[in-house]
Structures are given as structure tokens and as C-alpha cells.
Amino acid sequence: MYPRANTLGIIINNNKILLEEQEGKHSKGTGTYYRPIGGTIELGEKSSETIIREYSEEIAVGIEIKRYIACLENIFRIDENIGHEITQVYLVEFIDQTLYQKESFKVVEGSKTTFTKWISLEEISDGKKILYPNGLIELLQKNI
């Protein structure tokens, strides 16, 4: 198995971050966890193109990149399996400003459906909500 190159787009509004809520096993146990919208970079695709595509595919919205934030390298274990992600992180914004009024978005990935939620940065920073990838909380505290 090789590291997976992916990208995440961070949208902030009124001190809240838009995150996909997921359930299942993760590196800190089992249960609810959160992750920004994003996905795997395809061969021949730039990470900036990937994040725009992922927002379009997953929640059917257009975004613009405000700026590149950083690259995170996340090595983790779930049960006996090791995961390794190299993640390009961008600060993005909705093209349609009225979308900031929506409470949630339906996320469709193949046969799996989840939802996004606006989660306060405070809940993420104080550990009340589990955020992935590892290191993203610290990155946001330094760069947002």
C-alpha cells in the first residue's frame, strides 16, 4: 500500500467550519467524527482542480479557492491497518453567497450518503468533536 494524495477544502463562516459528519471506526475509536469536504487527487489532476471537482461532485456546489494553506501528512492506524495520507489543504469559499445560509448539505459518494454541518471552531479546538485528518486543528489555529 502507498500513501494516498488527497485534498481538503476549508469553508469558514461566522466562526464555524463546514464539515462532513461520519460514523464508524476511526483512529481514536468508533463513533462520530468530522472531516472537511475533499477527496483523492486523480493522476494528471492538480490538487486545486481536485478540490473544485470534489465540492461539485459531493455537495453539488461551486467554490473558489481563496488561498493554499499547507500540506498535512497523516499516518494513522485503524485496527491492524495503517493509513497514510498526504493532504493539500485549501481555504475555499462558495461562489453563491446564499449557500452560507444553508444549515447542511447532502454528501453523496457512490452509494454512501452523509451530511455536512456547520461546527463551531471552538467545539473542534476543545476536542468536543473529533476532526480528521490529524494535525488539522493545529493547522487551522495557526492559519485561519
N, C-alpha and C. Protein backbone atom coordinates (compact mmCIF):
# COMPACT_ATOMS: atom_id res chain seq x y z
N MET A 1 0.84 -1.18 0.00
CA MET A 1 0.00 0.00 0.00
C MET A 1 0.89 1.25 0.00
N TYR A 2 0.45 2.26 -0.71
CA TYR A 2 1.20 3.50 -0.82
C TYR A 2 0.43 4.65 -0.20
N PRO A 3 1.11 5.76 0.10
CA PRO A 3 0.38 6.93 0.60
C PRO A 3 -0.65 7.39 -0.43
N ARG A 4 -1.72 7.96 0.06
CA ARG A 4 -2.79 8.48 -0.79
C ARG A 4 -2.66 9.99 -0.83
N ALA A 5 -2.61 10.58 -2.02
CA ALA A 5 -2.58 12.03 -2.17
C ALA A 5 -4.02 12.52 -2.28
N ASN A 6 -4.37 13.45 -1.41
CA ASN A 6 -5.73 13.99 -1.44
C ASN A 6 -5.72 15.47 -1.14
N THR A 7 -6.91 16.07 -1.17
CA THR A 7 -7.04 17.49 -0.92
C THR A 7 -8.31 17.75 -0.12
N LEU A 8 -8.28 18.79 0.70
CA LEU A 8 -9.43 19.19 1.50
C LEU A 8 -9.66 20.68 1.32
N GLY A 9 -10.94 21.07 1.34
CA GLY A 9 -11.31 22.47 1.23
C GLY A 9 -11.98 22.95 2.50
N ILE A 10 -11.44 23.99 3.10
CA ILE A 10 -11.95 24.53 4.35
C ILE A 10 -12.84 25.74 4.04
N ILE A 11 -14.09 25.68 4.50
CA ILE A 11 -15.00 26.81 4.39
C ILE A 11 -15.35 27.25 5.80
N ILE A 12 -15.11 28.53 6.09
CA ILE A 12 -15.39 29.12 7.40
C ILE A 12 -16.47 30.19 7.23
N ASN A 13 -17.44 30.20 8.16
CA ASN A 13 -18.47 31.23 8.16
C ASN A 13 -18.91 31.48 9.60
N ASN A 14 -18.81 32.73 10.05
CA ASN A 14 -19.23 33.09 11.41
C ASN A 14 -18.60 32.20 12.48
N ASN A 15 -17.29 31.98 12.36
CA ASN A 15 -16.53 31.18 13.33
C ASN A 15 -16.96 29.70 13.36
N LYS A 16 -17.56 29.25 12.25
CA LYS A 16 -17.94 27.85 12.10
C LYS A 16 -17.31 27.31 10.83
N ILE A 17 -17.04 26.01 10.85
CA ILE A 17 -16.42 25.33 9.71
C ILE A 17 -17.41 24.29 9.17
N LEU A 18 -17.50 24.19 7.85
CA LEU A 18 -18.37 23.21 7.23
C LEU A 18 -17.66 21.87 7.19
N LEU A 19 -18.26 20.86 7.87
CA LEU A 19 -17.63 19.55 7.97
C LEU A 19 -18.64 18.45 7.66
N GLU A 20 -18.14 17.39 7.06
CA GLU A 20 -18.95 16.20 6.81
C GLU A 20 -18.95 15.36 8.08
N GLU A 21 -20.15 14.97 8.53
CA GLU A 21 -20.28 14.12 9.72
C GLU A 21 -20.31 12.67 9.27
N GLN A 22 -19.44 11.85 9.86
CA GLN A 22 -19.38 10.44 9.52
C GLN A 22 -19.45 9.59 10.78
N GLU A 23 -19.86 8.35 10.61
CA GLU A 23 -19.94 7.38 11.71
C GLU A 23 -19.10 6.17 11.34
N GLY A 24 -18.46 5.59 12.35
CA GLY A 24 -17.73 4.35 12.10
C GLY A 24 -16.43 4.29 12.86
N LYS A 25 -15.61 3.32 12.48
CA LYS A 25 -14.30 3.15 13.10
C LYS A 25 -13.38 4.24 12.60
N HIS A 26 -12.58 4.76 13.51
CA HIS A 26 -11.56 5.73 13.15
C HIS A 26 -10.37 5.50 14.08
N SER A 27 -9.32 6.28 13.91
CA SER A 27 -8.08 6.01 14.65
C SER A 27 -8.19 6.26 16.15
N LYS A 28 -9.26 6.93 16.60
CA LYS A 28 -9.44 7.18 18.03
C LYS A 28 -10.56 6.32 18.63
N GLY A 29 -11.10 5.40 17.84
CA GLY A 29 -12.16 4.52 18.35
C GLY A 29 -13.27 4.32 17.33
N THR A 30 -14.50 4.28 17.83
CA THR A 30 -15.68 4.11 16.99
C THR A 30 -16.69 5.17 17.37
N GLY A 31 -17.37 5.72 16.38
CA GLY A 31 -18.39 6.73 16.64
C GLY A 31 -18.37 7.84 15.62
N THR A 32 -18.85 9.00 16.03
CA THR A 32 -18.98 10.15 15.14
C THR A 32 -17.65 10.88 15.02
N TYR A 33 -17.31 11.26 13.80
CA TYR A 33 -16.14 12.10 13.55
C TYR A 33 -16.45 13.02 12.38
N TYR A 34 -15.59 14.01 12.18
CA TYR A 34 -15.83 15.04 11.17
C TYR A 34 -14.61 15.22 10.28
N ARG A 35 -14.89 15.63 9.04
CA ARG A 35 -13.83 15.84 8.06
C ARG A 35 -14.31 16.87 7.05
N PRO A 36 -13.44 17.78 6.61
CA PRO A 36 -13.85 18.72 5.55
C PRO A 36 -14.12 17.97 4.24
N ILE A 37 -14.82 18.62 3.34
CA ILE A 37 -15.06 18.05 2.02
C ILE A 37 -13.73 17.98 1.27
N GLY A 38 -13.55 16.89 0.54
CA GLY A 38 -12.34 16.71 -0.23
C GLY A 38 -12.28 15.31 -0.80
N GLY A 39 -11.13 14.97 -1.36
CA GLY A 39 -11.01 13.63 -1.91
C GLY A 39 -9.66 13.39 -2.55
N THR A 40 -9.56 12.24 -3.19
CA THR A 40 -8.32 11.77 -3.78
C THR A 40 -7.98 12.54 -5.06
N ILE A 41 -6.72 12.92 -5.16
CA ILE A 41 -6.22 13.58 -6.37
C ILE A 41 -6.03 12.50 -7.43
N GLU A 42 -6.64 12.72 -8.60
CA GLU A 42 -6.51 11.77 -9.69
C GLU A 42 -5.23 12.04 -10.48
N LEU A 43 -4.69 10.99 -11.10
CA LEU A 43 -3.47 11.11 -11.88
C LEU A 43 -3.65 12.17 -12.96
N GLY A 44 -2.73 13.12 -13.03
CA GLY A 44 -2.78 14.18 -14.02
C GLY A 44 -3.62 15.37 -13.62
N GLU A 45 -4.18 15.34 -12.41
CA GLU A 45 -5.04 16.43 -11.92
C GLU A 45 -4.30 17.19 -10.83
N LYS A 46 -4.33 18.50 -10.88
CA LYS A 46 -3.73 19.31 -9.82
C LYS A 46 -4.65 19.29 -8.60
N SER A 47 -4.07 19.43 -7.41
CA SER A 47 -4.87 19.40 -6.19
C SER A 47 -5.91 20.51 -6.17
N SER A 48 -5.58 21.66 -6.75
CA SER A 48 -6.54 22.77 -6.81
C SER A 48 -7.74 22.42 -7.69
N GLU A 49 -7.51 21.65 -8.73
CA GLU A 49 -8.60 21.17 -9.59
C GLU A 49 -9.44 20.12 -8.85
N THR A 50 -8.75 19.28 -8.09
CA THR A 50 -9.44 18.22 -7.35
C THR A 50 -10.44 18.79 -6.36
N ILE A 51 -10.06 19.83 -5.61
CA ILE A 51 -10.97 20.33 -4.58
C ILE A 51 -12.22 20.96 -5.21
N ILE A 52 -12.04 21.62 -6.33
CA ILE A 52 -13.20 22.18 -7.03
C ILE A 52 -14.11 21.06 -7.52
N ARG A 53 -13.53 20.01 -8.09
CA ARG A 53 -14.30 18.85 -8.55
C ARG A 53 -15.02 18.15 -7.40
N GLU A 54 -14.32 17.96 -6.29
CA GLU A 54 -14.92 17.25 -5.16
C GLU A 54 -16.14 17.99 -4.59
N TYR A 55 -16.05 19.30 -4.45
CA TYR A 55 -17.21 20.07 -3.96
C TYR A 55 -18.38 19.94 -4.93
N SER A 56 -18.09 19.96 -6.22
CA SER A 56 -19.13 19.82 -7.23
C SER A 56 -19.77 18.43 -7.17
N GLU A 57 -18.95 17.39 -7.09
CA GLU A 57 -19.45 16.01 -7.07
C GLU A 57 -20.17 15.68 -5.76
N GLU A 58 -19.59 16.08 -4.63
CA GLU A 58 -20.11 15.64 -3.34
C GLU A 58 -21.30 16.44 -2.83
N ILE A 59 -21.28 17.78 -3.00
CA ILE A 59 -22.42 18.55 -2.49
C ILE A 59 -23.03 19.47 -3.55
N ALA A 60 -22.62 19.28 -4.81
CA ALA A 60 -23.22 19.98 -5.96
C ALA A 60 -23.17 21.50 -5.84
N VAL A 61 -22.02 22.04 -5.43
CA VAL A 61 -21.85 23.49 -5.34
C VAL A 61 -20.54 23.90 -6.01
N GLY A 62 -20.51 25.15 -6.43
CA GLY A 62 -19.29 25.72 -6.98
C GLY A 62 -18.52 26.46 -5.90
N ILE A 63 -17.21 26.34 -5.94
CA ILE A 63 -16.35 27.04 -4.98
C ILE A 63 -15.23 27.75 -5.72
N GLU A 64 -14.63 28.70 -5.02
CA GLU A 64 -13.42 29.36 -5.48
C GLU A 64 -12.37 29.17 -4.40
N ILE A 65 -11.14 29.02 -4.82
CA ILE A 65 -10.04 28.90 -3.87
C ILE A 65 -9.62 30.30 -3.45
N LYS A 66 -9.62 30.53 -2.12
CA LYS A 66 -9.13 31.81 -1.60
C LYS A 66 -7.61 31.78 -1.49
N ARG A 67 -7.10 30.66 -0.90
CA ARG A 67 -5.65 30.52 -0.80
C ARG A 67 -5.28 29.10 -0.37
N TYR A 68 -4.06 28.74 -0.70
CA TYR A 68 -3.48 27.47 -0.26
C TYR A 68 -3.07 27.64 1.20
N ILE A 69 -3.36 26.65 2.04
CA ILE A 69 -2.97 26.75 3.45
C ILE A 69 -1.67 25.99 3.70
N ALA A 70 -1.67 24.68 3.46
CA ALA A 70 -0.48 23.88 3.75
C ALA A 70 -0.70 22.44 3.31
N CYS A 71 0.34 21.66 3.49
CA CYS A 71 0.28 20.21 3.25
C CYS A 71 0.37 19.51 4.60
N LEU A 72 -0.53 18.55 4.82
CA LEU A 72 -0.50 17.73 6.04
C LEU A 72 -0.13 16.31 5.66
N GLU A 73 0.69 15.68 6.46
CA GLU A 73 0.97 14.27 6.28
C GLU A 73 0.39 13.54 7.49
N ASN A 74 -0.53 12.63 7.22
CA ASN A 74 -1.26 11.95 8.28
C ASN A 74 -1.02 10.44 8.17
N ILE A 75 -0.35 9.89 9.17
CA ILE A 75 -0.15 8.44 9.26
C ILE A 75 -0.96 7.96 10.45
N PHE A 76 -1.84 6.99 10.21
CA PHE A 76 -2.77 6.57 11.26
C PHE A 76 -3.02 5.06 11.17
N ARG A 77 -3.63 4.55 12.23
CA ARG A 77 -3.94 3.12 12.30
C ARG A 77 -5.41 2.94 12.69
N ILE A 78 -6.10 2.08 11.95
CA ILE A 78 -7.45 1.66 12.31
C ILE A 78 -7.40 0.14 12.37
N ASP A 79 -7.60 -0.39 13.58
CA ASP A 79 -7.39 -1.81 13.85
C ASP A 79 -5.95 -2.16 13.48
N GLU A 80 -5.75 -3.11 12.59
CA GLU A 80 -4.40 -3.52 12.20
C GLU A 80 -3.94 -2.86 10.91
N ASN A 81 -4.76 -1.98 10.35
CA ASN A 81 -4.44 -1.36 9.07
C ASN A 81 -3.82 0.02 9.26
N ILE A 82 -2.73 0.25 8.53
CA ILE A 82 -2.07 1.55 8.57
C ILE A 82 -2.54 2.36 7.36
N GLY A 83 -2.89 3.62 7.62
CA GLY A 83 -3.25 4.55 6.55
C GLY A 83 -2.21 5.65 6.48
N HIS A 84 -2.03 6.20 5.29
CA HIS A 84 -1.04 7.26 5.10
C HIS A 84 -1.58 8.20 4.03
N GLU A 85 -1.88 9.43 4.44
CA GLU A 85 -2.42 10.43 3.52
C GLU A 85 -1.48 11.64 3.46
N ILE A 86 -1.29 12.13 2.26
CA ILE A 86 -0.59 13.39 2.05
C ILE A 86 -1.65 14.34 1.50
N THR A 87 -2.00 15.35 2.31
CA THR A 87 -3.18 16.16 2.04
C THR A 87 -2.84 17.62 1.77
N GLN A 88 -3.29 18.12 0.64
CA GLN A 88 -3.17 19.53 0.31
C GLN A 88 -4.43 20.22 0.85
N VAL A 89 -4.25 21.27 1.65
CA VAL A 89 -5.37 21.94 2.32
C VAL A 89 -5.52 23.35 1.76
N TYR A 90 -6.75 23.68 1.36
CA TYR A 90 -7.06 24.99 0.80
C TYR A 90 -8.17 25.66 1.59
N LEU A 91 -8.10 26.98 1.69
CA LEU A 91 -9.21 27.78 2.19
C LEU A 91 -10.04 28.13 0.96
N VAL A 92 -11.33 27.77 1.00
CA VAL A 92 -12.21 27.98 -0.16
C VAL A 92 -13.45 28.74 0.27
N GLU A 93 -14.22 29.21 -0.72
CA GLU A 93 -15.48 29.88 -0.43
C GLU A 93 -16.50 29.52 -1.49
N PHE A 94 -17.77 29.59 -1.11
CA PHE A 94 -18.85 29.35 -2.07
C PHE A 94 -18.87 30.47 -3.10
N ILE A 95 -19.12 30.13 -4.35
CA ILE A 95 -19.34 31.15 -5.38
C ILE A 95 -20.68 31.84 -5.11
N ASP A 96 -21.70 31.02 -4.82
CA ASP A 96 -23.04 31.54 -4.49
C ASP A 96 -23.09 31.85 -3.00
N GLN A 97 -23.06 33.12 -2.64
CA GLN A 97 -23.00 33.54 -1.25
C GLN A 97 -24.25 33.14 -0.44
N THR A 98 -25.37 32.87 -1.10
CA THR A 98 -26.59 32.45 -0.38
C THR A 98 -26.42 31.06 0.24
N LEU A 99 -25.46 30.28 -0.24
CA LEU A 99 -25.24 28.93 0.31
C LEU A 99 -24.78 28.96 1.76
N TYR A 100 -24.22 30.08 2.21
CA TYR A 100 -23.80 30.18 3.61
C TYR A 100 -24.99 30.13 4.56
N GLN A 101 -26.20 30.34 4.05
CA GLN A 101 -27.40 30.31 4.88
C GLN A 101 -27.92 28.89 5.09
N LYS A 102 -27.47 27.94 4.27
CA LYS A 102 -27.93 26.55 4.40
C LYS A 102 -27.34 25.92 5.66
N GLU A 103 -28.17 25.18 6.38
CA GLU A 103 -27.71 24.53 7.61
C GLU A 103 -26.87 23.29 7.34
N SER A 104 -27.19 22.60 6.23
CA SER A 104 -26.43 21.39 5.91
C SER A 104 -26.54 21.10 4.41
N PHE A 105 -25.68 20.19 3.97
CA PHE A 105 -25.66 19.75 2.58
C PHE A 105 -25.62 18.23 2.58
N LYS A 106 -26.31 17.62 1.65
CA LYS A 106 -26.28 16.18 1.46
C LYS A 106 -25.00 15.84 0.71
N VAL A 107 -24.23 14.88 1.23
CA VAL A 107 -22.97 14.44 0.61
C VAL A 107 -23.19 13.06 0.00
N VAL A 108 -22.97 12.96 -1.30
CA VAL A 108 -23.15 11.68 -1.98
C VAL A 108 -21.82 11.23 -2.55
N GLU A 109 -21.37 10.05 -2.11
CA GLU A 109 -20.15 9.43 -2.63
C GLU A 109 -20.48 8.00 -2.98
N GLY A 110 -20.72 7.73 -4.27
CA GLY A 110 -21.11 6.39 -4.68
C GLY A 110 -22.45 6.04 -4.06
N SER A 111 -22.50 4.93 -3.31
CA SER A 111 -23.75 4.50 -2.67
C SER A 111 -23.88 5.04 -1.24
N LYS A 112 -22.88 5.76 -0.78
CA LYS A 112 -22.87 6.29 0.60
C LYS A 112 -23.40 7.72 0.63
N THR A 113 -24.31 8.00 1.57
CA THR A 113 -24.84 9.35 1.74
C THR A 113 -24.62 9.79 3.19
N THR A 114 -24.05 10.98 3.36
CA THR A 114 -23.88 11.58 4.68
C THR A 114 -24.32 13.03 4.56
N PHE A 115 -24.07 13.82 5.60
CA PHE A 115 -24.46 15.23 5.59
C PHE A 115 -23.34 16.08 6.17
N THR A 116 -23.30 17.34 5.74
CA THR A 116 -22.38 18.29 6.34
C THR A 116 -23.10 19.06 7.43
N LYS A 117 -22.33 19.66 8.31
CA LYS A 117 -22.86 20.52 9.37
C LYS A 117 -21.89 21.67 9.58
N TRP A 118 -22.41 22.80 10.03
CA TRP A 118 -21.55 23.90 10.46
C TRP A 118 -21.21 23.65 11.92
N ILE A 119 -19.94 23.43 12.21
CA ILE A 119 -19.46 23.12 13.55
C ILE A 119 -18.60 24.29 14.02
N SER A 120 -18.83 24.74 15.25
CA SER A 120 -18.04 25.88 15.75
C SER A 120 -16.58 25.48 15.88
N LEU A 121 -15.71 26.42 15.56
CA LEU A 121 -14.28 26.18 15.69
C LEU A 121 -13.91 25.88 17.14
N GLU A 122 -14.67 26.44 18.07
CA GLU A 122 -14.42 26.19 19.49
C GLU A 122 -14.65 24.72 19.84
N GLU A 123 -15.73 24.12 19.30
CA GLU A 123 -16.01 22.70 19.58
C GLU A 123 -14.90 21.79 19.04
N ILE A 124 -14.32 22.21 17.92
CA ILE A 124 -13.22 21.44 17.34
C ILE A 124 -11.96 21.63 18.17
N SER A 125 -11.65 22.88 18.51
CA SER A 125 -10.43 23.18 19.25
C SER A 125 -10.40 22.55 20.64
N ASP A 126 -11.57 22.52 21.31
CA ASP A 126 -11.59 21.98 22.67
C ASP A 126 -11.78 20.47 22.71
N GLY A 127 -11.83 19.82 21.54
CA GLY A 127 -11.91 18.37 21.49
C GLY A 127 -13.29 17.79 21.67
N LYS A 128 -14.33 18.60 21.71
CA LYS A 128 -15.70 18.08 21.84
C LYS A 128 -16.12 17.30 20.61
N LYS A 129 -15.54 17.65 19.47
CA LYS A 129 -15.81 16.95 18.22
C LYS A 129 -14.47 16.44 17.69
N ILE A 130 -14.47 15.23 17.14
CA ILE A 130 -13.26 14.63 16.60
C ILE A 130 -13.12 15.05 15.14
N LEU A 131 -11.99 15.67 14.81
CA LEU A 131 -11.73 16.16 13.47
C LEU A 131 -10.55 15.41 12.86
N TYR A 132 -10.72 15.02 11.61
CA TYR A 132 -9.63 14.41 10.85
C TYR A 132 -9.37 15.24 9.61
N PRO A 133 -8.19 15.19 9.07
CA PRO A 133 -7.06 14.38 9.48
C PRO A 133 -6.36 14.94 10.72
N ASN A 134 -5.56 14.08 11.33
CA ASN A 134 -4.76 14.51 12.48
C ASN A 134 -3.89 15.69 12.08
N GLY A 135 -3.79 16.65 12.96
CA GLY A 135 -2.98 17.83 12.70
C GLY A 135 -3.75 18.99 12.10
N LEU A 136 -4.98 18.75 11.66
CA LEU A 136 -5.76 19.81 11.03
C LEU A 136 -6.17 20.89 12.03
N ILE A 137 -6.49 20.52 13.26
CA ILE A 137 -6.87 21.51 14.27
C ILE A 137 -5.73 22.52 14.46
N GLU A 138 -4.53 22.02 14.65
CA GLU A 138 -3.38 22.89 14.87
C GLU A 138 -3.11 23.77 13.64
N LEU A 139 -3.28 23.20 12.47
CA LEU A 139 -3.08 23.95 11.24
C LEU A 139 -4.09 25.09 11.13
N LEU A 140 -5.35 24.82 11.47
CA LEU A 140 -6.37 25.85 11.43
C LEU A 140 -6.11 26.96 12.45
N GLN A 141 -5.66 26.57 13.64
CA GLN A 141 -5.38 27.57 14.69
C GLN A 141 -4.27 28.51 14.26
N LYS A 142 -3.32 28.05 13.48
CA LYS A 142 -2.20 28.89 13.03
C LYS A 142 -2.54 29.72 11.79
N ASN A 143 -3.49 29.23 10.98
CA ASN A 143 -3.68 29.82 9.65
C ASN A 143 -5.04 30.42 9.36
N ILE A 144 -5.96 30.35 10.26
CA ILE A 144 -7.31 30.87 9.97
C ILE A 144 -7.60 32.07 10.87
